[in-house]
Protein backbone atom coordinates (compact mmCIF):
# COMPACT_ATOMS: atom_id res chain seq x y z
CA MET A 1 0.00 0.00 0.00
CA LYS A 2 2.82 2.38 0.86
CA ALA A 3 4.42 1.71 -2.51
CA GLN A 4 1.20 2.58 -4.33
CA CYS A 5 0.84 5.85 -2.41
CA ILE A 6 4.41 6.83 -3.18
CA GLY A 7 3.89 6.01 -6.89
CA VAL A 8 0.71 8.10 -7.12
CA LEU A 9 2.39 10.97 -5.27
CA LEU A 10 5.41 10.90 -7.64
CA ALA A 11 3.15 10.84 -10.71
CA ALA A 12 1.13 13.81 -9.43
CA LEU A 13 4.31 15.75 -8.59
CA THR A 14 5.82 15.05 -12.01
CA GLY A 15 2.62 16.23 -13.74
CA ALA A 16 2.56 19.44 -11.71
CA ILE A 17 6.20 20.21 -12.55
CA ALA A 18 5.58 19.59 -16.27
CA ALA A 19 2.49 21.86 -16.25
CA LYS A 20 4.44 24.66 -14.56
CA ALA A 21 7.29 24.31 -17.07
CA GLU A 22 4.84 24.69 -19.98
CA GLU A 23 3.39 27.87 -18.43
CA THR A 24 6.80 29.54 -18.03
CA ALA A 25 8.27 28.45 -21.36
CA ASP A 26 8.44 31.31 -23.88
CA PRO A 27 7.05 30.36 -27.25
CA LEU A 28 9.53 31.17 -30.01
CA GLU A 29 7.01 32.41 -32.53
CA ARG A 30 8.47 35.83 -33.35
CA LEU A 31 11.54 37.83 -32.57
CA PHE A 32 9.46 40.72 -31.20
CA MET A 33 6.62 39.66 -28.89
CA ASP A 34 5.20 43.12 -28.40
CA ARG A 35 2.76 44.52 -31.02
CA GLU A 36 4.35 47.97 -30.80
CA GLN A 37 7.81 46.57 -31.47
CA ARG A 38 6.53 44.57 -34.43
CA ALA A 39 4.74 47.62 -35.89
CA ALA A 40 7.89 49.76 -35.51
CA LEU A 41 9.89 47.14 -37.37
CA GLU A 42 7.35 47.06 -40.21
CA ARG A 43 7.49 50.89 -40.48
CA LEU A 44 11.29 50.80 -40.70
CA ARG A 45 11.13 48.10 -43.37
CA ARG A 46 9.01 50.31 -45.61
CA LEU A 47 11.34 53.35 -45.34
CA PRO A 48 13.82 54.07 -48.14
CA PRO A 49 17.47 53.41 -47.08
CA ALA A 50 18.31 57.13 -47.01
CA GLU A 51 15.66 57.79 -44.37
CA LEU A 52 16.64 54.98 -42.02
CA PRO A 53 17.84 56.20 -38.61
CA LYS A 54 21.53 55.82 -37.83
CA PRO A 55 22.28 52.93 -35.46
CA LYS A 56 23.30 53.82 -31.93
CA PRO A 57 26.76 52.71 -30.85
CA LEU A 58 26.78 49.75 -28.49
CA GLY A 59 28.58 50.14 -25.21
CA GLN A 60 31.29 52.70 -24.65
CA PRO A 61 33.33 53.95 -27.58
CA LYS A 62 36.68 52.26 -27.89
CA ALA A 63 39.71 54.30 -27.04
CA ALA A 64 42.35 54.70 -29.70
CA ALA A 65 44.58 51.66 -29.80
CA ASP A 66 47.93 52.05 -28.14
CA PRO A 67 50.77 52.22 -30.64
CA PRO A 68 52.71 48.98 -30.93
CA PRO A 69 55.89 48.81 -28.88
CA PRO A 70 59.05 49.69 -30.79
CA ALA A 71 60.57 46.72 -32.56
CA GLU A 72 63.82 45.37 -31.17
CA PRO A 73 66.83 46.08 -33.40
CA LEU A 74 68.26 43.14 -35.36
CA ARG A 75 71.99 42.54 -35.06
CA LEU A 76 73.51 40.14 -37.57
CA ASN A 77 76.11 38.28 -35.50
CA GLY A 78 77.15 35.72 -38.11
CA VAL A 79 76.31 33.73 -41.23
CA VAL A 80 77.48 30.24 -42.21
CA SER A 81 76.59 28.95 -45.67
CA ARG A 82 77.37 25.27 -46.13
CA SER A 83 78.18 23.60 -49.42
CA SER A 84 74.89 21.70 -49.14
CA GLY A 85 73.08 25.03 -49.53
CA LYS A 86 71.82 25.18 -45.95
CA THR A 87 72.44 28.40 -44.06
CA THR A 88 72.73 29.15 -40.36
CA THR A 89 72.52 32.73 -39.16
CA TRP A 90 72.96 34.28 -35.74
CA ILE A 91 70.65 37.21 -35.08
CA ASN A 92 70.73 38.95 -31.71
CA GLY A 93 72.85 36.05 -30.44
CA ARG A 94 70.27 33.42 -31.38
CA GLN A 95 70.96 30.70 -33.91
CA ARG A 96 68.49 30.42 -36.81
CA HIS A 97 68.39 27.88 -39.63
CA ASP A 98 67.56 28.30 -43.34
CA GLY A 99 65.84 31.67 -43.45
CA GLU A 100 64.07 31.38 -40.09
CA ALA A 101 63.55 35.00 -39.09
CA PRO A 102 62.37 36.99 -36.08
CA ALA A 103 58.66 37.81 -36.03
CA GLY A 104 57.66 40.48 -38.51
CA THR A 105 60.71 40.09 -40.73
CA ARG A 106 61.97 37.94 -43.56
CA LEU A 107 65.60 37.08 -44.34
CA LEU A 108 66.90 36.78 -47.87
CA ASP A 109 70.22 34.99 -48.36
CA ASP A 110 72.57 36.35 -51.03
CA PRO A 111 74.70 33.44 -52.31
CA THR A 112 76.93 35.83 -54.28
CA ALA A 113 77.90 37.82 -51.18
CA PRO A 114 79.02 35.65 -48.27
CA GLY A 115 78.48 37.19 -44.86
CA ARG A 116 75.55 39.28 -46.05
CA LEU A 117 71.79 39.02 -45.80
CA SER A 118 68.88 41.20 -46.80
CA VAL A 119 66.19 41.92 -44.25
CA VAL A 120 62.61 42.57 -45.38
CA ILE A 121 60.63 44.19 -42.58
CA ASN A 122 57.20 44.50 -44.23
CA ARG A 123 55.87 42.76 -47.33
CA GLY A 124 56.36 44.79 -50.45
CA GLU A 125 59.17 46.88 -48.99
CA LYS A 126 62.63 47.05 -50.44
CA PRO A 127 65.08 44.59 -48.81
CA ILE A 128 67.72 46.14 -46.55
CA PRO A 129 71.22 44.69 -47.16
CA VAL A 130 73.06 43.87 -43.91
CA LYS A 131 76.64 42.71 -43.28
CA VAL A 132 77.82 40.69 -40.30
CA GLY A 133 78.24 43.02 -37.33
CA GLN A 134 75.68 45.55 -38.48
CA THR A 135 72.41 46.32 -36.71
CA VAL A 136 69.09 47.14 -38.37
CA ASP A 137 66.80 49.59 -36.60
CA ARG A 138 63.43 48.15 -37.66
CA ASN A 139 61.53 51.27 -36.60
CA ARG A 140 63.56 53.72 -38.73
CA ARG A 141 64.71 51.09 -41.27
CA LYS A 142 68.32 52.19 -40.93
CA VAL A 143 71.48 50.13 -40.80
CA ASN A 144 73.95 50.99 -38.05
CA ASP A 145 77.55 49.91 -38.42
CA PRO A 146 79.56 49.58 -35.18
CA ILE A 147 82.68 50.57 -37.07
CA PRO A 148 82.21 53.66 -39.22
CA SER A 149 83.72 53.49 -42.69
CA THR A 150 86.02 56.41 -41.80
CA ALA A 151 87.51 54.57 -38.81
CA ILE A 152 89.59 52.14 -40.86
CA ARG A 153 92.35 53.67 -42.89
CA VAL A 154 94.83 51.77 -44.98
CA PRO A 155 98.16 53.58 -45.10
CA ASN A 156 99.65 54.26 -48.49
CA LYS A 157 102.31 51.74 -49.33
CA PRO A 158 105.70 53.22 -50.09
CA ASN A 159 106.89 52.58 -53.62
CA THR A 160 109.00 49.47 -53.23
CA ALA A 161 109.54 48.83 -56.90
CA ARG A 162 113.24 48.71 -57.74
CA SER A 163 114.48 50.27 -60.80
CA ALA A 164 116.32 48.18 -63.36
CA ASN A 165 119.46 50.31 -62.95
CA GLU A 166 120.11 49.17 -59.42
């Protein structure tokens, strides 16, 4: 008898919960439930595009994006080109293999000029030729040489040719 009472009670409780769920469930008939909202939408639909109201911005306006941080300069520490065609470069003290480049750049190997590379900072830009020891300022796109060209001077050789009379 107890089991029958519990069964009837559970069935009644389940039916009551289901009935309450149906009452609170929103029917998904239309996007706008209100007659006024639906009428306003129909009026806007009939307007020519030039007369449509401008949309309101959502949320707060976004602040101007912060400028990107300055790019770290690239120093070409060394280049090794093997006879197999593979190349290893050292940029900013880090070893890189076969054209692997720092983010935002591309390296072009020049097989006719050992110890040199060309650095392309942005697509479509002219490559910047760089020798071992030089640094490229990626922000100003300038090459800085640690040894200025005027610092190395080769002395004139004295004329050591002997005349035939001697």
